[in-house]
Structure formats: C-alpha cells, structure tokens
N, C-alpha and C. Protein backbone atom coordinates (compact mmCIF):
# COMPACT_ATOMS: atom_id res chain seq x y z
N UNK A 1 -0.53 23.71 -5.08
CA UNK A 1 -1.62 23.87 -4.13
C UNK A 1 -1.50 22.41 -3.38
N UNK A 2 -1.29 22.47 -1.90
CA UNK A 2 -0.89 21.47 -1.19
C UNK A 2 -2.01 20.73 -0.93
N UNK A 3 -2.27 19.35 -0.86
CA UNK A 3 -3.38 18.66 -0.64
C UNK A 3 -3.35 18.31 1.01
N UNK A 4 -4.58 18.76 1.64
CA UNK A 4 -4.47 18.53 3.25
C UNK A 4 -4.81 17.16 3.54
N UNK A 5 -5.14 16.22 2.65
CA UNK A 5 -5.43 14.72 2.95
C UNK A 5 -4.28 13.95 2.29
N UNK A 6 -4.25 12.50 2.92
CA UNK A 6 -3.06 11.78 2.41
C UNK A 6 -3.90 10.60 2.46
N UNK A 7 -3.46 9.64 1.56
CA UNK A 7 -3.63 8.23 1.68
C UNK A 7 -3.29 7.75 2.86
N UNK A 8 -3.85 7.13 3.76
CA UNK A 8 -3.80 6.60 5.20
C UNK A 8 -2.16 5.99 4.94
N UNK A 9 -1.35 5.73 5.74
CA UNK A 9 -0.15 5.17 5.71
C UNK A 9 -0.24 3.81 6.11
N UNK A 10 0.37 2.87 5.35
CA UNK A 10 0.32 1.57 5.50
C UNK A 10 0.81 0.86 6.65
N UNK A 11 0.13 -0.20 7.37
CA UNK A 11 1.00 -0.75 8.37
C UNK A 11 1.79 -1.45 8.21
N UNK A 12 3.28 -1.70 8.75
CA UNK A 12 3.91 -2.69 8.66
C UNK A 12 3.48 -3.97 9.11
N UNK A 13 3.24 -4.88 7.72
CA UNK A 13 2.64 -6.06 8.21
C UNK A 13 3.95 -7.12 7.87
N UNK A 14 5.10 -6.85 8.00
CA UNK A 14 6.24 -7.66 7.90
C UNK A 14 6.28 -8.66 8.88
N UNK A 15 5.69 -8.30 9.88
CA UNK A 15 5.66 -9.20 11.20
C UNK A 15 4.62 -10.36 11.18
N UNK A 16 3.53 -10.13 9.91
CA UNK A 16 2.66 -11.14 9.74
C UNK A 16 2.88 -12.04 8.46
N UNK A 17 4.01 -11.56 7.57
CA UNK A 17 4.55 -12.07 6.38
C UNK A 17 4.86 -13.50 6.93
N UNK A 18 4.45 -14.37 5.99
CA UNK A 18 5.06 -15.73 6.14
C UNK A 18 4.56 -16.46 7.37
N UNK A 19 3.56 -16.01 8.04
CA UNK A 19 3.04 -16.70 9.31
C UNK A 19 1.56 -17.30 8.92
N UNK A 20 1.22 -17.56 7.47
CA UNK A 20 0.10 -18.32 7.45
C UNK A 20 0.45 -19.59 7.16
N UNK A 21 0.15 -20.39 8.27
CA UNK A 21 0.51 -21.76 8.13
C UNK A 21 -0.89 -22.61 8.68
N UNK A 22 -0.71 -23.72 8.20
CA UNK A 22 -1.73 -24.73 8.56
C UNK A 22 -1.35 -25.39 10.10
N UNK A 23 -2.56 -26.25 10.38
CA UNK A 23 -2.05 -26.69 11.58
C UNK A 23 -0.59 -27.94 11.48
N UNK A 24 -0.74 -28.32 10.03
CA UNK A 24 0.34 -29.56 10.22
C UNK A 24 1.68 -28.54 9.52
N UNK A 25 1.72 -27.37 9.64
CA UNK A 25 2.79 -26.45 9.29
C UNK A 25 3.27 -26.31 8.11
N UNK A 26 2.37 -26.37 7.17
CA UNK A 26 2.48 -26.38 5.70
C UNK A 26 1.93 -24.60 5.38
N UNK A 27 2.53 -24.24 4.49
CA UNK A 27 2.32 -22.95 4.33
C UNK A 27 0.90 -22.82 3.48
N UNK A 28 0.03 -21.98 3.99
CA UNK A 28 -1.19 -21.45 3.47
C UNK A 28 -1.20 -20.67 2.07
N UNK A 29 -0.61 -19.45 2.72
CA UNK A 29 -0.42 -18.39 1.63
C UNK A 29 1.36 -18.31 1.39
N UNK A 30 1.55 -18.16 0.46
CA UNK A 30 3.16 -17.59 0.03
C UNK A 30 3.05 -16.42 0.39
N UNK A 31 4.45 -15.98 0.55
CA UNK A 31 5.07 -14.56 0.63
C UNK A 31 4.58 -13.78 -0.52
N UNK A 32 4.91 -14.26 -1.62
CA UNK A 32 4.58 -13.59 -2.81
C UNK A 32 3.12 -13.30 -2.89
N UNK A 33 2.26 -14.57 -2.67
CA UNK A 33 0.97 -14.04 -2.72
C UNK A 33 0.36 -13.03 -1.75
N UNK A 34 0.98 -13.17 -0.53
CA UNK A 34 0.97 -11.97 0.34
C UNK A 34 1.24 -10.84 -0.13
N UNK A 35 2.54 -10.71 -0.81
CA UNK A 35 2.92 -9.30 -0.97
C UNK A 35 2.00 -8.75 -2.13
N UNK A 36 1.45 -9.56 -3.21
CA UNK A 36 0.40 -9.11 -4.37
C UNK A 36 -0.84 -8.85 -3.62
N UNK A 37 -1.30 -9.58 -2.60
CA UNK A 37 -2.53 -9.20 -1.94
C UNK A 37 -2.47 -7.91 -1.46
N UNK A 38 -1.30 -7.36 -0.51
CA UNK A 38 -1.04 -6.47 -0.02
C UNK A 38 -0.91 -5.17 -1.11
N UNK A 39 -0.36 -5.16 -2.15
CA UNK A 39 -0.10 -4.47 -2.93
C UNK A 39 -1.70 -4.02 -3.58
N UNK A 40 -2.43 -5.18 -3.88
CA UNK A 40 -3.49 -4.90 -4.61
C UNK A 40 -4.80 -4.23 -3.76
N UNK A 41 -4.54 -4.51 -2.29
CA UNK A 41 -5.54 -3.82 -1.34
C UNK A 41 -4.82 -2.52 -1.36
N UNK A 42 -3.70 -2.18 -1.21
CA UNK A 42 -3.51 -0.78 -1.34
C UNK A 42 -3.83 0.15 -2.51
N UNK A 43 -3.46 -0.27 -3.58
CA UNK A 43 -4.29 0.02 -4.83
C UNK A 43 -5.74 0.50 -4.47
N UNK A 44 -6.31 -0.65 -4.06
CA UNK A 44 -7.98 -0.61 -3.89
C UNK A 44 -8.34 0.83 -2.98
N UNK A 45 -7.45 0.75 -1.88
CA UNK A 45 -7.73 2.16 -1.00
C UNK A 45 -7.54 3.18 -1.78
N UNK A 46 -6.15 3.32 -2.53
CA UNK A 46 -6.02 4.45 -3.27
C UNK A 46 -7.30 5.15 -4.23
N UNK A 47 -7.74 3.95 -5.08
CA UNK A 47 -9.15 4.20 -5.99
C UNK A 47 -10.01 4.56 -5.09
N UNK A 48 -10.32 4.33 -4.34
CA UNK A 48 -11.50 4.78 -3.39
C UNK A 48 -11.06 6.37 -2.85
N UNK A 49 -9.88 6.42 -2.46
CA UNK A 49 -9.66 7.90 -1.91
C UNK A 49 -9.53 8.64 -3.11
N UNK A 50 -9.31 8.66 -4.44
CA UNK A 50 -9.22 9.63 -5.50
C UNK A 50 -10.92 10.17 -5.60
N UNK A 51 -11.53 9.73 -5.28
CA UNK A 51 -12.90 10.19 -5.41
C UNK A 51 -13.06 11.32 -4.40
N UNK A 52 -12.55 10.78 -3.24
CA UNK A 52 -12.73 12.16 -2.25
C UNK A 52 -11.78 13.30 -2.59
N UNK A 53 -10.71 12.78 -3.08
CA UNK A 53 -9.76 13.96 -3.75
C UNK A 53 -10.33 14.89 -4.69
N UNK A 54 -11.00 13.85 -5.66
CA UNK A 54 -11.61 14.63 -6.88
C UNK A 54 -12.60 15.54 -6.23
N UNK A 55 -13.47 15.23 -5.49
CA UNK A 55 -14.36 16.02 -4.79
C UNK A 55 -13.91 17.44 -4.34
N UNK A 56 -12.97 17.29 -3.54
CA UNK A 56 -12.31 18.46 -2.74
C UNK A 56 -11.60 19.24 -3.95
N UNK A 57 -11.02 18.78 -5.10
CA UNK A 57 -10.40 19.55 -6.04
C UNK A 57 -11.92 20.51 -6.94
N UNK A 58 -13.00 19.56 -6.92
CA UNK A 58 -14.41 20.23 -7.76
C UNK A 58 -14.68 21.23 -6.62
N UNK A 59 -14.71 21.30 -5.53
CA UNK A 59 -15.17 21.97 -4.57
C UNK A 59 -14.48 23.41 -4.39
N UNK A 60 -13.10 23.11 -4.82
CA UNK A 60 -12.33 24.28 -4.88
C UNK A 60 -11.95 24.90 -6.35
N UNK A 61 -12.71 24.31 -7.36
CA UNK A 61 -12.46 24.56 -8.76
C UNK A 61 -11.34 24.55 -9.43
N UNK A 62 -10.59 23.58 -8.91
CA UNK A 62 -9.35 23.38 -9.46
C UNK A 62 -9.24 22.04 -10.49
N UNK A 63 -9.55 22.34 -11.57
CA UNK A 63 -9.74 21.48 -12.79
C UNK A 63 -8.36 20.81 -13.03
N UNK A 64 -7.32 21.35 -13.08
CA UNK A 64 -6.02 20.70 -13.26
C UNK A 64 -5.76 19.51 -12.19
N UNK A 65 -6.39 19.74 -11.13
CA UNK A 65 -6.08 18.69 -9.96
C UNK A 65 -7.12 17.73 -9.98
N UNK A 66 -8.40 17.98 -10.77
CA UNK A 66 -9.22 16.86 -10.99
C UNK A 66 -8.62 16.07 -12.10
N UNK A 67 -8.12 16.70 -12.72
CA UNK A 67 -7.22 15.92 -14.14
C UNK A 67 -6.37 14.86 -13.71
N UNK A 68 -5.37 15.56 -13.02
CA UNK A 68 -4.25 14.71 -12.13
C UNK A 68 -5.06 13.56 -11.56
N UNK A 69 -5.91 13.64 -10.31
CA UNK A 69 -6.44 12.65 -9.77
C UNK A 69 -7.04 11.72 -10.58
N UNK A 70 -7.79 12.21 -11.66
CA UNK A 70 -8.27 11.25 -12.57
C UNK A 70 -7.38 10.28 -13.53
N UNK A 71 -6.04 11.00 -13.63
CA UNK A 71 -5.05 10.39 -14.29
C UNK A 71 -4.44 9.52 -13.57
N UNK A 72 -4.09 9.53 -12.47
CA UNK A 72 -3.48 8.92 -11.44
C UNK A 72 -4.67 7.73 -10.92
N UNK A 73 -5.91 7.96 -10.64
CA UNK A 73 -6.86 6.81 -10.70
C UNK A 73 -7.02 5.83 -11.81
N UNK A 74 -6.74 6.50 -12.94
CA UNK A 74 -6.74 5.47 -14.22
C UNK A 74 -5.47 4.56 -14.03
N UNK A 75 -4.48 5.14 -14.11
CA UNK A 75 -3.24 4.30 -13.75
C UNK A 75 -3.37 3.11 -12.77
N UNK A 76 -3.88 3.78 -11.35
CA UNK A 76 -3.61 2.76 -10.71
C UNK A 76 -4.71 1.55 -10.48
N UNK A 77 -5.99 1.94 -11.46
CA UNK A 77 -6.76 0.88 -11.84
C UNK A 77 -6.21 -0.22 -12.99
N UNK A 78 -5.38 0.46 -13.95
CA UNK A 78 -4.59 -0.54 -14.78
C UNK A 78 -3.52 -1.39 -13.98
N UNK A 79 -2.86 -0.55 -12.87
CA UNK A 79 -1.97 -1.61 -12.05
C UNK A 79 -2.55 -2.47 -11.37
N UNK A 80 -3.74 -2.02 -10.61
CA UNK A 80 -4.51 -3.23 -9.93
C UNK A 80 -5.08 -4.30 -10.90
N UNK A 81 -5.40 -3.97 -11.66
CA UNK A 81 -5.61 -5.00 -13.12
C UNK A 81 -4.74 -6.09 -13.08
N UNK A 82 -3.47 -5.47 -13.42
CA UNK A 82 -2.30 -6.16 -13.77
C UNK A 82 -2.06 -7.00 -12.60
N UNK A 83 -2.04 -6.54 -11.37
CA UNK A 83 -1.58 -7.13 -9.77
C UNK A 83 -2.47 -8.47 -9.90
N UNK A 84 -3.72 -8.37 -9.96
CA UNK A 84 -4.64 -9.12 -10.03
C UNK A 84 -4.37 -10.40 -11.08
N UNK A 85 -3.84 -10.11 -12.08
CA UNK A 85 -3.66 -11.04 -13.42
C UNK A 85 -2.43 -12.06 -12.76
N UNK A 86 -1.14 -11.45 -12.34
CA UNK A 86 -0.33 -11.90 -11.59
C UNK A 86 -0.60 -12.56 -10.34
N UNK A 87 -1.59 -12.14 -9.71
CA UNK A 87 -1.98 -12.92 -8.45
C UNK A 87 -2.53 -14.28 -8.82
N UNK A 88 -3.54 -14.21 -9.53
CA UNK A 88 -4.13 -15.57 -10.31
C UNK A 88 -3.24 -16.34 -10.57
N UNK A 89 -2.29 -15.99 -11.47
CA UNK A 89 -1.26 -17.08 -12.08
C UNK A 89 -0.35 -17.45 -10.66
N UNK A 90 -0.08 -16.70 -9.97
CA UNK A 90 0.77 -17.29 -8.88
C UNK A 90 -0.17 -18.19 -8.01
N UNK A 91 -1.22 -17.94 -7.84
CA UNK A 91 -2.00 -18.83 -6.90
C UNK A 91 -2.44 -20.03 -7.65
N UNK A 92 -2.42 -20.14 -8.82
CA UNK A 92 -2.67 -21.50 -9.91
C UNK A 92 -1.24 -22.12 -9.58
N UNK A 93 -0.20 -21.39 -10.05
CA UNK A 93 1.07 -22.07 -10.53
C UNK A 93 2.12 -22.07 -9.34
N UNK A 94 1.69 -20.99 -8.50
CA UNK A 94 2.58 -21.16 -7.13
C UNK A 94 3.87 -20.12 -7.81
N UNK A 95 3.97 -19.73 -8.93
CA UNK A 95 5.05 -18.65 -9.54
C UNK A 95 4.65 -18.29 -10.67
N UNK A 96 5.40 -17.32 -11.21
CA UNK A 96 5.01 -16.39 -12.76
C UNK A 96 5.99 -17.58 -13.59
C-alpha cells in the first residue's frame, strides 16, 4: 500500500546555521546546539504526523499499517527523548 501523504520536506537551514551571533560577535547558539534543535524539531513534527497516518490507516482498515505507524512513532519518541538529553548536556557543558 502506497501512502499518499508524506512528512513535509525540511527546508535547507544550512544558510542559517552558525549565524546566531550577539551584538558583540559572540556565538549565541553553537552549530551543535542548532543541529540538535533541528533534529528535535523534525522528530516532533513526525510524531504529530503519525497520528494523521494512523487515522488514515484506520479509515482503510489496514491494521498492519496502523501497527507500523505506532512502531515508528514509539521509536521516534524514544529518539526525541535521547536528542533532548544530549541537547541539555550540550547547552550546559558546550559539548558531550
């Protein structure tokens, strides 16, 4: 079964990366913090999208697809929690 919807393509944010500077020229957010925030945002968007995908699968009566989306959602939730932990440490210490 082919899905008719997909998670939106992420915009190229590389032009923004590294440009978070204060008035005196010091970096406000590191590239690593930015990267982790970006990945966390993408995971959060995916988690929300899975609800829609599961609803679509329910409407078509596709239990295997429902179970797949639930499995993917659970994995992304665990990944998001891990990313958040890394981000907190990087923000506190500047590195892992």
